[in-house]
Protein backbone atom coordinates (compact mmCIF):
# COMPACT_ATOMS: atom_id res chain seq x y z
CA UNK A 1 63.59 51.97 -114.96
CA UNK A 2 61.93 50.16 -117.86
CA UNK A 3 63.56 46.92 -118.92
CA UNK A 4 64.18 47.26 -122.65
CA UNK A 5 65.98 43.93 -123.01
CA UNK A 6 64.84 42.11 -126.14
CA UNK A 7 64.01 38.49 -125.31
CA UNK A 8 66.16 35.99 -127.11
CA UNK A 9 64.53 33.97 -129.83
CA UNK A 10 64.43 30.26 -129.04
CA UNK A 11 66.98 28.13 -130.81
CA UNK A 12 65.68 26.43 -133.94
CA UNK A 13 66.55 22.76 -134.19
CA UNK A 14 65.64 20.24 -136.86
CA UNK A 15 64.65 16.59 -136.71
CA UNK A 16 64.07 14.21 -139.62
CA UNK A 17 61.32 11.61 -139.50
CA UNK A 18 60.48 8.61 -141.63
CA UNK A 19 58.68 5.34 -141.10
CA UNK A 20 59.05 1.62 -141.75
CA UNK A 21 56.40 -0.99 -142.33
CA UNK A 22 52.82 -0.17 -143.34
CA UNK A 23 49.53 0.69 -141.67
CA UNK A 24 47.46 -2.06 -143.36
CA UNK A 25 45.46 -4.29 -141.03
CA UNK A 26 42.61 -5.79 -143.07
CA UNK A 27 41.91 -7.22 -146.47
CA UNK A 28 38.60 -7.82 -148.18
CA UNK A 29 35.74 -8.46 -145.80
CA UNK A 30 37.70 -6.81 -142.97
CA UNK A 31 39.73 -9.99 -142.55
CA UNK A 32 43.08 -9.39 -140.78
CA UNK A 33 45.98 -9.99 -143.17
CA UNK A 34 48.94 -9.19 -140.91
CA UNK A 35 52.09 -10.99 -141.90
CA UNK A 36 50.85 -11.90 -145.36
CA UNK A 37 52.90 -11.00 -148.42
CA UNK A 38 53.64 -7.28 -148.40
CA UNK A 39 51.90 -6.60 -145.07
CA UNK A 40 54.06 -5.89 -142.03
CA UNK A 41 53.51 -7.04 -138.46
CA UNK A 42 54.52 -3.67 -137.02
CA UNK A 43 54.73 -0.03 -138.00
CA UNK A 44 57.54 2.25 -136.86
CA UNK A 45 58.33 5.97 -136.96
CA UNK A 46 61.85 7.20 -136.30
CA UNK A 47 63.19 10.67 -135.51
CA UNK A 48 66.81 11.46 -136.40
CA UNK A 49 68.91 14.21 -134.89
CA UNK A 50 72.10 15.18 -136.72
CA UNK A 51 75.03 16.51 -134.69
CA UNK A 52 76.71 18.54 -137.39
CA UNK A 53 76.14 20.97 -140.21
CA UNK A 54 73.02 19.86 -142.07
CA UNK A 55 74.01 21.31 -145.42
CA UNK A 56 77.32 19.48 -145.31
CA UNK A 57 75.63 16.14 -144.63
CA UNK A 58 73.02 16.80 -147.33
CA UNK A 59 75.81 17.43 -149.83
CA UNK A 60 77.50 14.19 -148.79
CA UNK A 61 74.30 12.19 -149.32
CA UNK A 62 73.75 13.77 -152.73
CA UNK A 63 77.35 13.06 -153.71
CA UNK A 64 76.90 9.41 -152.77
CA UNK A 65 73.67 9.26 -154.77
CA UNK A 66 75.56 10.54 -157.79
CA UNK A 67 78.36 8.04 -157.15
CA UNK A 68 75.84 5.19 -157.37
CA UNK A 69 74.48 6.58 -160.64
CA UNK A 70 78.02 6.85 -162.05
CA UNK A 71 78.93 3.29 -161.07
CA UNK A 72 78.47 0.96 -164.06
CA UNK A 73 78.19 -2.03 -161.73
CA UNK A 74 75.23 -0.44 -159.89
CA UNK A 75 73.44 1.88 -162.30
CA UNK A 76 72.12 -0.97 -164.43
CA UNK A 77 70.34 -2.68 -161.51
CA UNK A 78 66.57 -2.41 -162.21
CA UNK A 79 65.64 -0.64 -158.94
CA UNK A 80 68.42 1.93 -159.42
CA UNK A 81 67.69 2.36 -163.11
CA UNK A 82 63.96 2.86 -162.50
CA UNK A 83 64.57 5.70 -160.05
CA UNK A 84 67.22 7.33 -162.22
CA UNK A 85 64.79 7.41 -165.12
CA UNK A 86 62.09 8.89 -162.93
CA UNK A 87 62.53 11.77 -160.47
CA UNK A 88 66.06 10.70 -159.65
CA UNK A 89 67.85 8.14 -157.52
CA UNK A 90 67.66 8.27 -153.74
CA UNK A 91 68.48 5.73 -151.05
CA UNK A 92 65.53 3.67 -149.83
CA UNK A 93 66.36 0.52 -147.92
CA UNK A 94 63.35 -1.54 -149.02
CA UNK A 95 64.10 -0.97 -152.71
CA UNK A 96 67.89 -0.86 -152.72
CA UNK A 97 69.95 -3.92 -153.71
CA UNK A 98 72.47 -5.28 -151.18
CA UNK A 99 75.45 -3.59 -152.87
CA UNK A 100 73.82 -0.17 -152.57
CA UNK A 101 72.63 -0.84 -149.03
CA UNK A 102 76.16 -1.64 -147.94
CA UNK A 103 77.45 1.66 -149.30
CA UNK A 104 74.82 3.69 -147.49
CA UNK A 105 75.04 1.75 -144.22
CA UNK A 106 78.78 2.39 -144.15
CA UNK A 107 78.13 6.06 -144.86
CA UNK A 108 75.66 6.31 -141.96
CA UNK A 109 78.21 4.62 -139.70
CA UNK A 110 80.41 7.68 -140.21
CA UNK A 111 77.68 10.29 -139.64
CA UNK A 112 77.31 11.80 -136.18
CA UNK A 113 73.60 11.31 -135.60
CA UNK A 114 71.13 9.52 -133.35
CA UNK A 115 67.65 8.12 -133.82
CA UNK A 116 64.69 7.35 -131.58
CA UNK A 117 62.19 4.84 -132.97
CA UNK A 118 58.65 4.10 -131.82
CA UNK A 119 57.47 0.65 -132.89
CA UNK A 120 53.76 -0.19 -132.87
CA UNK A 121 52.75 -3.83 -133.08
CA UNK A 122 49.71 -4.11 -135.32
CA UNK A 123 46.95 -5.46 -133.07
CA UNK A 124 43.56 -5.37 -134.85
CA UNK A 125 41.38 -5.06 -131.74
CA UNK A 126 43.54 -2.20 -130.48
CA UNK A 127 43.47 -0.54 -133.90
CA UNK A 128 39.68 -0.59 -133.88
CA UNK A 129 39.22 0.49 -130.26
CA UNK A 130 42.05 3.01 -129.90
CA UNK A 131 42.38 4.38 -133.43
CA UNK A 132 38.81 3.94 -134.71
CA UNK A 133 40.13 1.70 -137.48
CA UNK A 134 41.76 4.67 -139.20
CA UNK A 135 45.30 4.57 -140.56
CA UNK A 136 45.79 8.29 -139.96
CA UNK A 137 44.84 8.08 -136.27
CA UNK A 138 47.16 5.11 -135.83
CA UNK A 139 49.98 7.14 -137.37
CA UNK A 140 49.19 10.19 -135.22
CA UNK A 141 49.21 8.13 -132.03
CA UNK A 142 52.62 6.61 -132.79
CA UNK A 143 54.03 10.02 -133.72
CA UNK A 144 52.75 11.57 -130.49
CA UNK A 145 54.99 9.27 -128.47
CA UNK A 146 58.03 10.70 -130.29
CA UNK A 147 56.92 14.25 -129.60
CA UNK A 148 55.80 14.15 -125.98
CA UNK A 149 59.31 14.35 -124.49
CA UNK A 150 60.43 17.10 -126.87
CA UNK A 151 58.04 19.72 -125.52
CA UNK A 152 60.27 20.93 -122.67
CA UNK A 153 63.40 21.74 -124.69
CA UNK A 154 62.76 25.48 -124.95
CA UNK A 155 63.33 25.33 -128.71
CA UNK A 156 61.56 25.85 -131.99
CA UNK A 157 61.47 22.27 -133.22
CA UNK A 158 61.14 21.84 -136.98
CA UNK A 159 60.05 18.34 -137.88
CA UNK A 160 61.04 17.46 -141.44
CA UNK A 161 58.74 14.55 -142.00
CA UNK A 162 58.44 12.14 -144.92
CA UNK A 163 55.18 12.56 -146.78
CA UNK A 164 52.70 9.73 -146.25
CA UNK A 165 49.29 10.39 -147.79
CA UNK A 166 46.54 11.45 -145.39
CA UNK A 167 48.71 10.56 -142.39
CA UNK A 168 50.91 13.63 -142.94
CA UNK A 169 48.14 16.08 -143.76
CA UNK A 170 48.40 19.10 -141.48
CA UNK A 171 45.23 18.24 -139.52
CA UNK A 172 46.55 14.80 -138.65
CA UNK A 173 49.98 16.10 -137.66
CA UNK A 174 48.26 18.62 -135.40
CA UNK A 175 46.30 15.71 -133.91
CA UNK A 176 49.61 14.00 -133.12
CA UNK A 177 50.86 17.17 -131.45
CA UNK A 178 47.71 17.54 -129.36
CA UNK A 179 48.03 13.92 -128.24
CA UNK A 180 51.66 14.60 -127.31
CA UNK A 181 50.64 17.63 -125.24
CA UNK A 182 47.99 15.53 -123.50
CA UNK A 183 50.48 12.78 -122.71
CA UNK A 184 53.02 15.32 -121.48
CA UNK A 185 50.40 16.80 -119.16
CA UNK A 186 49.84 13.47 -117.44
CA UNK A 187 53.41 13.45 -116.11
CA UNK A 188 54.43 17.11 -116.05
CA UNK A 189 53.08 20.55 -115.35
CA UNK A 190 51.18 21.57 -118.52
CA UNK A 191 52.66 25.05 -118.12
CA UNK A 192 56.12 23.54 -118.50
CA UNK A 193 55.82 23.25 -122.27
CA UNK A 194 58.51 25.55 -123.64
CA UNK A 195 58.96 24.24 -127.18
CA UNK A 196 57.09 25.14 -130.32
CA UNK A 197 56.68 22.61 -133.08
CA UNK A 198 56.53 23.23 -136.84
CA UNK A 199 55.86 20.48 -139.37
CA UNK A 200 57.68 20.54 -142.69
CA UNK A 201 56.40 17.72 -144.91
CA UNK A 202 59.06 16.65 -147.39
CA UNK A 203 59.96 13.79 -149.71
CA UNK A 204 63.18 11.91 -150.33
CA UNK A 205 63.95 13.91 -153.46
CA UNK A 206 63.73 17.32 -151.80
CA UNK A 207 65.30 16.29 -148.49
CA UNK A 208 68.14 13.74 -148.76
CA UNK A 209 68.53 13.54 -144.97
CA UNK A 210 65.31 11.54 -144.97
CA UNK A 211 67.32 8.80 -146.70
CA UNK A 212 69.24 8.37 -143.44
CA UNK A 213 66.04 8.24 -141.38
CA UNK A 214 64.63 5.59 -143.71
CA UNK A 215 67.66 3.31 -143.34
CA UNK A 216 67.77 3.60 -139.56
CA UNK A 217 64.06 2.79 -139.26
CA UNK A 218 64.45 -0.13 -141.64
CA UNK A 219 67.31 -1.56 -139.55
CA UNK A 220 65.05 -1.56 -136.49
CA UNK A 221 62.06 -2.91 -138.39
CA UNK A 222 64.05 -5.92 -139.63
CA UNK A 223 64.50 -7.07 -136.05
CA UNK A 224 60.75 -7.12 -135.40
CA UNK A 225 59.75 -8.54 -138.78
CA UNK A 226 62.50 -11.13 -139.32
CA UNK A 227 64.56 -11.38 -136.14
CA UNK A 228 67.47 -10.11 -138.24
CA UNK A 229 69.81 -8.02 -136.09
CA UNK A 230 72.86 -7.53 -138.34
CA UNK A 231 71.83 -4.06 -139.55
CA UNK A 232 70.65 -2.94 -136.12
CA UNK A 233 73.87 -4.19 -134.54
CA UNK A 234 75.99 -2.49 -137.19
CA UNK A 235 74.39 0.90 -136.52
CA UNK A 236 73.80 0.31 -132.82
CA UNK A 237 75.77 3.41 -131.81
CA UNK A 238 73.36 5.53 -133.86
CA UNK A 239 70.18 3.99 -132.40
CA UNK A 240 69.71 5.61 -129.01
CA UNK A 241 66.19 4.41 -128.20
CA UNK A 242 63.59 1.95 -129.46
CA UNK A 243 60.22 1.69 -127.72
CA UNK A 244 57.97 -1.32 -128.36
CA UNK A 245 54.82 0.67 -127.62
CA UNK A 246 52.22 -2.07 -127.31
CA UNK A 247 54.28 -4.84 -125.74
CA UNK A 248 52.16 -4.87 -122.59
CA UNK A 249 53.91 -7.97 -121.25
CA UNK A 250 57.14 -5.98 -120.92
CA UNK A 251 55.75 -2.80 -119.35
CA UNK A 252 56.97 -3.77 -115.87
CA UNK A 253 60.31 -2.07 -115.31
CA UNK A 254 60.05 -0.41 -118.73
CA UNK A 255 61.50 -3.49 -120.36
CA UNK A 256 59.83 -2.41 -123.61
CA UNK A 257 62.40 0.42 -123.80
CA UNK A 258 65.53 -0.63 -125.68
CA UNK A 259 68.75 1.35 -125.43
CA UNK A 260 72.43 0.80 -126.15
CA UNK A 261 72.72 -0.90 -122.74
CA UNK A 262 69.52 -2.90 -123.24
CA UNK A 263 69.58 -3.69 -126.98
CA UNK A 264 67.12 -5.44 -129.20
CA UNK A 265 67.79 -9.11 -129.94
CA UNK A 266 66.30 -11.67 -132.26
CA UNK A 267 63.88 -12.51 -129.42
CA UNK A 268 61.90 -9.40 -130.38
CA UNK A 269 60.85 -11.01 -133.66
CA UNK A 270 57.07 -10.86 -133.95
CA UNK A 271 54.89 -13.77 -134.99
CA UNK A 272 51.76 -13.48 -137.12
CA UNK A 273 48.61 -13.43 -134.98
CA UNK A 274 46.62 -16.63 -134.62
CA UNK A 275 43.65 -16.96 -136.98
């Protein structure tokens, strides 16, 4: 007898990715400028999973955006006013004033979600040797670490990812995926890959759930840049994993993996490299 059973389509699941920090290493004359004004010491990419109806959470974010615009105490603040007069207000932790940040942090506290964040210390010699001195390759390498453990889920994984110039061009995202497959193959049977990955490049106007990803990444980034843990501690239940990718001194025993049971502390604050 011929088996006429129609195979089930894999479940489609969505993740939402944004970054914190920048990918700048050098100034004029190829002089390292890490830690100088406006230049971060690390770069991070976070992937958020929402445990609930996405459209409902989107509507809640949009409603809160409108509430900020309707609030006379907030809508006159220059950063809020500038966005409202442009494409429209959205939450962005770096730009938002403290009063707006508090509102959105408290909102995220009530959202059932979790985030994994890969943090890459910016090490010039490693950037040149490992990433050929290219921002896009640096980005792809960090992203690949987020993807490598998602390849055995047996799902169609849609990655809604915040647009970032050449770094989120399709060819570079495919490079990240190929690196993830390579890394997966070093620990697992290459034939065990059961997930498919689709990239959906978005911006904060078209996809309000990226606002949440931005805030969670920013909370982690503040620990590494300033040793400031208050935001990370406040949303600790939402931050399931942080990996300090290039902290070679902590590789023994996977001490560079930070979880709810092994949280980040102010000791993870980075210092500018020596001249």
